[in-house]
Amino acid sequence: CTNAARTLCDLANLVSADSTERAFDDLMRRGTHPQWLRQTAVRVLSCRRRGAQRVLDLLDDFERRGVVRGSWFEGLVERCLDHPELASLERQYTLVDDTGAHVARFDLAIPDARLGIEGHSRSHHFGAINEASDERRDNAAGAMGWDVMYLGYADVMSPSSALDSVLARVRARRSGLG
């Protein structure tokens, strides 16, 4: 008999780091309690299972950031943006107005450039309801001086091009804001 935490620790022994992270993110999005996962990983680690250490490392990163990606595709987009000039990149960034009211949530954001980045996938951004929601969010953010950039599957398949595009936008925005 097993449970989700133990299964993740065992899975981490058998699959790539990327696959382990994908499974970890899914468990966190489903509401798995980090402390329960940590206790299980520590117990499994004492049995010399190297996958448990991978799970502990993911937990440390989760506790440092306080949030997991909203989808695996967001992780693919985030990996394209690994660059020193983008060190301020934040996951699941919530934009609030002067009163603290919610304005928008972006998959990724570079707050000092006032740039929101959305992983543009068919499952989350197509259809009348999703398009209207995106438009309201983008317009509300724009009224606060923010710009929103969409990166899709083609961008992820050409990471250096995606990075160049984001860097150009960030540099332009920073020079205009500073």
Protein backbone atom coordinates (compact mmCIF):
# COMPACT_ATOMS: atom_id res chain seq x y z
CA CYS A 1 0.00 0.00 0.00
CA THR A 2 1.36 3.44 -0.90
CA ASN A 3 0.34 7.08 -1.05
CA ALA A 4 1.04 10.06 -3.31
CA ALA A 5 4.05 11.27 -1.30
CA ARG A 6 5.75 7.87 -1.27
CA THR A 7 4.93 7.34 -4.94
CA LEU A 8 6.61 10.64 -5.83
CA CYS A 9 9.75 9.66 -3.89
CA ASP A 10 9.84 6.27 -5.64
CA LEU A 11 9.10 7.82 -9.03
CA ALA A 12 12.00 10.24 -8.57
CA ASN A 13 14.33 7.21 -8.54
CA LEU A 14 13.11 6.11 -11.95
CA VAL A 15 12.43 9.17 -14.09
CA SER A 16 14.23 12.35 -15.12
CA ALA A 17 14.47 15.44 -12.93
CA ASP A 18 12.03 17.18 -15.29
CA SER A 19 9.45 14.43 -14.93
CA THR A 20 9.86 14.47 -11.16
CA GLU A 21 9.35 18.23 -11.07
CA ARG A 22 6.28 17.92 -13.27
CA ALA A 23 4.76 15.35 -10.89
CA PHE A 24 5.72 17.46 -7.86
CA ASP A 25 4.07 20.57 -9.31
CA ASP A 26 0.93 18.57 -10.02
CA LEU A 27 0.77 17.32 -6.43
CA MET A 28 1.19 20.86 -5.09
CA ARG A 29 -1.54 22.22 -7.40
CA ARG A 30 -3.85 19.47 -6.11
CA GLY A 31 -3.34 20.66 -2.54
CA THR A 32 -0.79 18.18 -1.18
CA HIS A 33 0.53 19.48 2.13
CA PRO A 34 4.28 20.22 1.83
CA GLN A 35 5.01 19.11 5.40
CA TRP A 36 3.51 15.66 4.77
CA LEU A 37 5.58 15.34 1.60
CA ARG A 38 8.73 16.45 3.46
CA GLN A 39 8.18 13.98 6.31
CA THR A 40 7.72 11.17 3.80
CA ALA A 41 10.81 12.16 1.80
CA VAL A 42 12.96 12.34 4.95
CA ARG A 43 11.77 8.88 6.00
CA VAL A 44 12.42 7.45 2.51
CA LEU A 45 15.82 9.16 2.34
CA SER A 46 16.87 7.28 5.46
CA CYS A 47 16.45 4.11 3.37
CA ARG A 48 19.10 5.48 0.97
CA ARG A 49 16.70 6.31 -1.84
CA ARG A 50 18.25 9.08 -3.93
CA GLY A 51 14.89 10.15 -5.40
CA ALA A 52 13.83 11.39 -1.98
CA GLN A 53 16.64 13.96 -2.05
CA ARG A 54 15.33 15.25 -5.37
CA VAL A 55 11.90 15.67 -3.76
CA LEU A 56 13.45 17.50 -0.79
CA ASP A 57 15.25 19.85 -3.19
CA LEU A 58 11.95 20.59 -4.96
CA LEU A 59 10.31 21.27 -1.59
CA ASP A 60 13.10 23.69 -0.66
CA ASP A 61 12.57 25.56 -3.94
CA PHE A 62 8.80 25.57 -3.39
CA GLU A 63 9.20 27.01 0.12
CA ARG A 64 11.60 29.66 -1.15
CA ARG A 65 9.24 30.75 -3.96
CA GLY A 66 5.96 29.97 -2.22
CA VAL A 67 4.24 28.96 -5.45
CA VAL A 68 4.32 26.32 -8.18
CA ARG A 69 3.68 26.93 -11.84
CA GLY A 70 0.08 26.89 -12.99
CA SER A 71 0.93 24.36 -15.70
CA TRP A 72 3.81 22.36 -17.09
CA PHE A 73 3.82 24.57 -20.19
CA GLU A 74 4.60 27.57 -17.98
CA GLY A 75 7.71 25.69 -16.86
CA LEU A 76 8.79 25.26 -20.47
CA VAL A 77 8.36 28.99 -21.02
CA GLU A 78 10.24 29.77 -17.79
CA ARG A 79 13.18 27.62 -18.88
CA CYS A 80 13.53 29.71 -22.04
CA LEU A 81 14.01 32.80 -19.88
CA ASP A 82 17.04 31.74 -17.84
CA HIS A 83 19.22 34.85 -18.11
CA PRO A 84 20.91 37.19 -15.58
CA GLU A 85 18.93 40.20 -16.83
CA LEU A 86 15.73 38.33 -15.99
CA ALA A 87 16.68 37.42 -12.41
CA SER A 88 13.62 39.28 -11.10
CA LEU A 89 11.30 36.86 -12.95
CA GLU A 90 8.45 35.75 -10.67
CA ARG A 91 6.02 32.84 -11.04
CA GLN A 92 2.28 33.33 -10.71
CA TYR A 93 2.66 37.07 -10.11
CA THR A 94 -0.38 38.88 -8.71
CA LEU A 95 -0.73 42.53 -9.71
CA VAL A 96 -2.69 44.66 -7.24
CA ASP A 97 -3.71 48.31 -7.36
CA ASP A 98 -2.94 51.02 -4.79
CA THR A 99 -5.73 49.78 -2.53
CA GLY A 100 -4.49 46.19 -2.64
CA ALA A 101 -7.32 45.02 -4.91
CA HIS A 102 -6.53 42.22 -7.35
CA VAL A 103 -5.98 43.45 -10.92
CA ALA A 104 -4.31 40.54 -12.70
CA ARG A 105 -2.36 37.33 -12.30
CA PHE A 106 0.40 36.50 -14.76
CA ASP A 107 2.04 33.14 -15.34
CA LEU A 108 5.38 34.94 -15.10
CA ALA A 109 6.28 38.57 -14.56
CA ILE A 110 9.25 40.88 -14.46
CA PRO A 111 7.89 43.49 -12.05
CA ASP A 112 10.68 46.06 -12.41
CA ALA A 113 9.93 46.18 -16.16
CA ARG A 114 6.16 45.99 -15.59
CA LEU A 115 5.97 43.06 -17.97
CA GLY A 116 3.58 40.15 -17.56
CA ILE A 117 4.33 36.98 -19.52
CA GLU A 118 1.70 34.40 -20.39
CA GLY A 119 2.38 30.90 -21.60
CA HIS A 120 -0.08 30.89 -24.50
CA SER A 121 -1.69 27.48 -24.72
CA ARG A 122 -4.88 26.41 -26.45
CA SER A 123 -6.32 24.93 -23.30
CA HIS A 124 -6.17 28.20 -21.34
CA HIS A 125 -6.35 31.07 -23.83
CA PHE A 126 -8.76 30.09 -26.62
CA GLY A 127 -12.52 30.35 -26.71
CA ALA A 128 -14.80 33.30 -26.10
CA ILE A 129 -14.74 33.13 -22.29
CA ASN A 130 -10.95 32.73 -22.00
CA GLU A 131 -10.27 35.41 -24.61
CA ALA A 132 -12.59 37.87 -22.85
CA SER A 133 -10.90 37.14 -19.52
CA ASP A 134 -7.45 37.71 -21.04
CA GLU A 135 -8.62 40.96 -22.63
CA ARG A 136 -10.02 42.29 -19.34
CA ARG A 137 -6.82 41.34 -17.51
CA ASP A 138 -4.56 42.83 -20.18
CA ASN A 139 -6.55 46.08 -20.34
CA ALA A 140 -6.62 46.46 -16.55
CA ALA A 141 -2.88 45.82 -16.35
CA GLY A 142 -2.26 48.22 -19.24
CA ALA A 143 -4.10 50.96 -17.35
CA MET A 144 -1.48 50.53 -14.62
CA GLY A 145 1.41 50.81 -17.09
CA TRP A 146 1.98 47.08 -17.54
CA ASP A 147 2.57 45.28 -20.83
CA VAL A 148 1.61 41.64 -21.45
CA MET A 149 3.58 39.33 -23.70
CA TYR A 150 2.40 35.92 -24.91
CA LEU A 151 4.80 33.05 -25.61
CA GLY A 152 3.41 29.95 -27.30
CA TYR A 153 4.56 26.53 -28.34
CA ALA A 154 6.56 27.82 -31.32
CA ASP A 155 8.48 30.11 -28.95
CA VAL A 156 9.29 27.23 -26.61
CA MET A 157 10.60 25.23 -29.57
CA SER A 158 13.03 28.09 -30.29
CA PRO A 159 14.24 29.06 -26.80
CA SER A 160 17.01 31.43 -27.89
CA SER A 161 14.59 33.36 -30.09
CA ALA A 162 12.05 33.56 -27.25
CA LEU A 163 14.75 34.78 -24.87
CA ASP A 164 15.93 37.42 -27.35
CA SER A 165 12.37 38.64 -27.81
CA VAL A 166 11.73 38.92 -24.06
CA LEU A 167 15.10 40.57 -23.42
CA ALA A 168 14.39 43.18 -26.10
CA ARG A 169 11.00 43.97 -24.57
CA VAL A 170 12.41 44.10 -21.03
CA ARG A 171 15.27 46.39 -22.04
CA ALA A 172 12.90 48.74 -23.87
CA ARG A 173 10.49 48.84 -20.93
CA ARG A 174 13.22 49.37 -18.35
CA SER A 175 14.73 52.23 -20.34
CA GLY A 176 11.28 53.81 -20.69
CA LEU A 177 10.48 53.41 -16.99
CA GLY A 178 13.84 54.44 -15.61
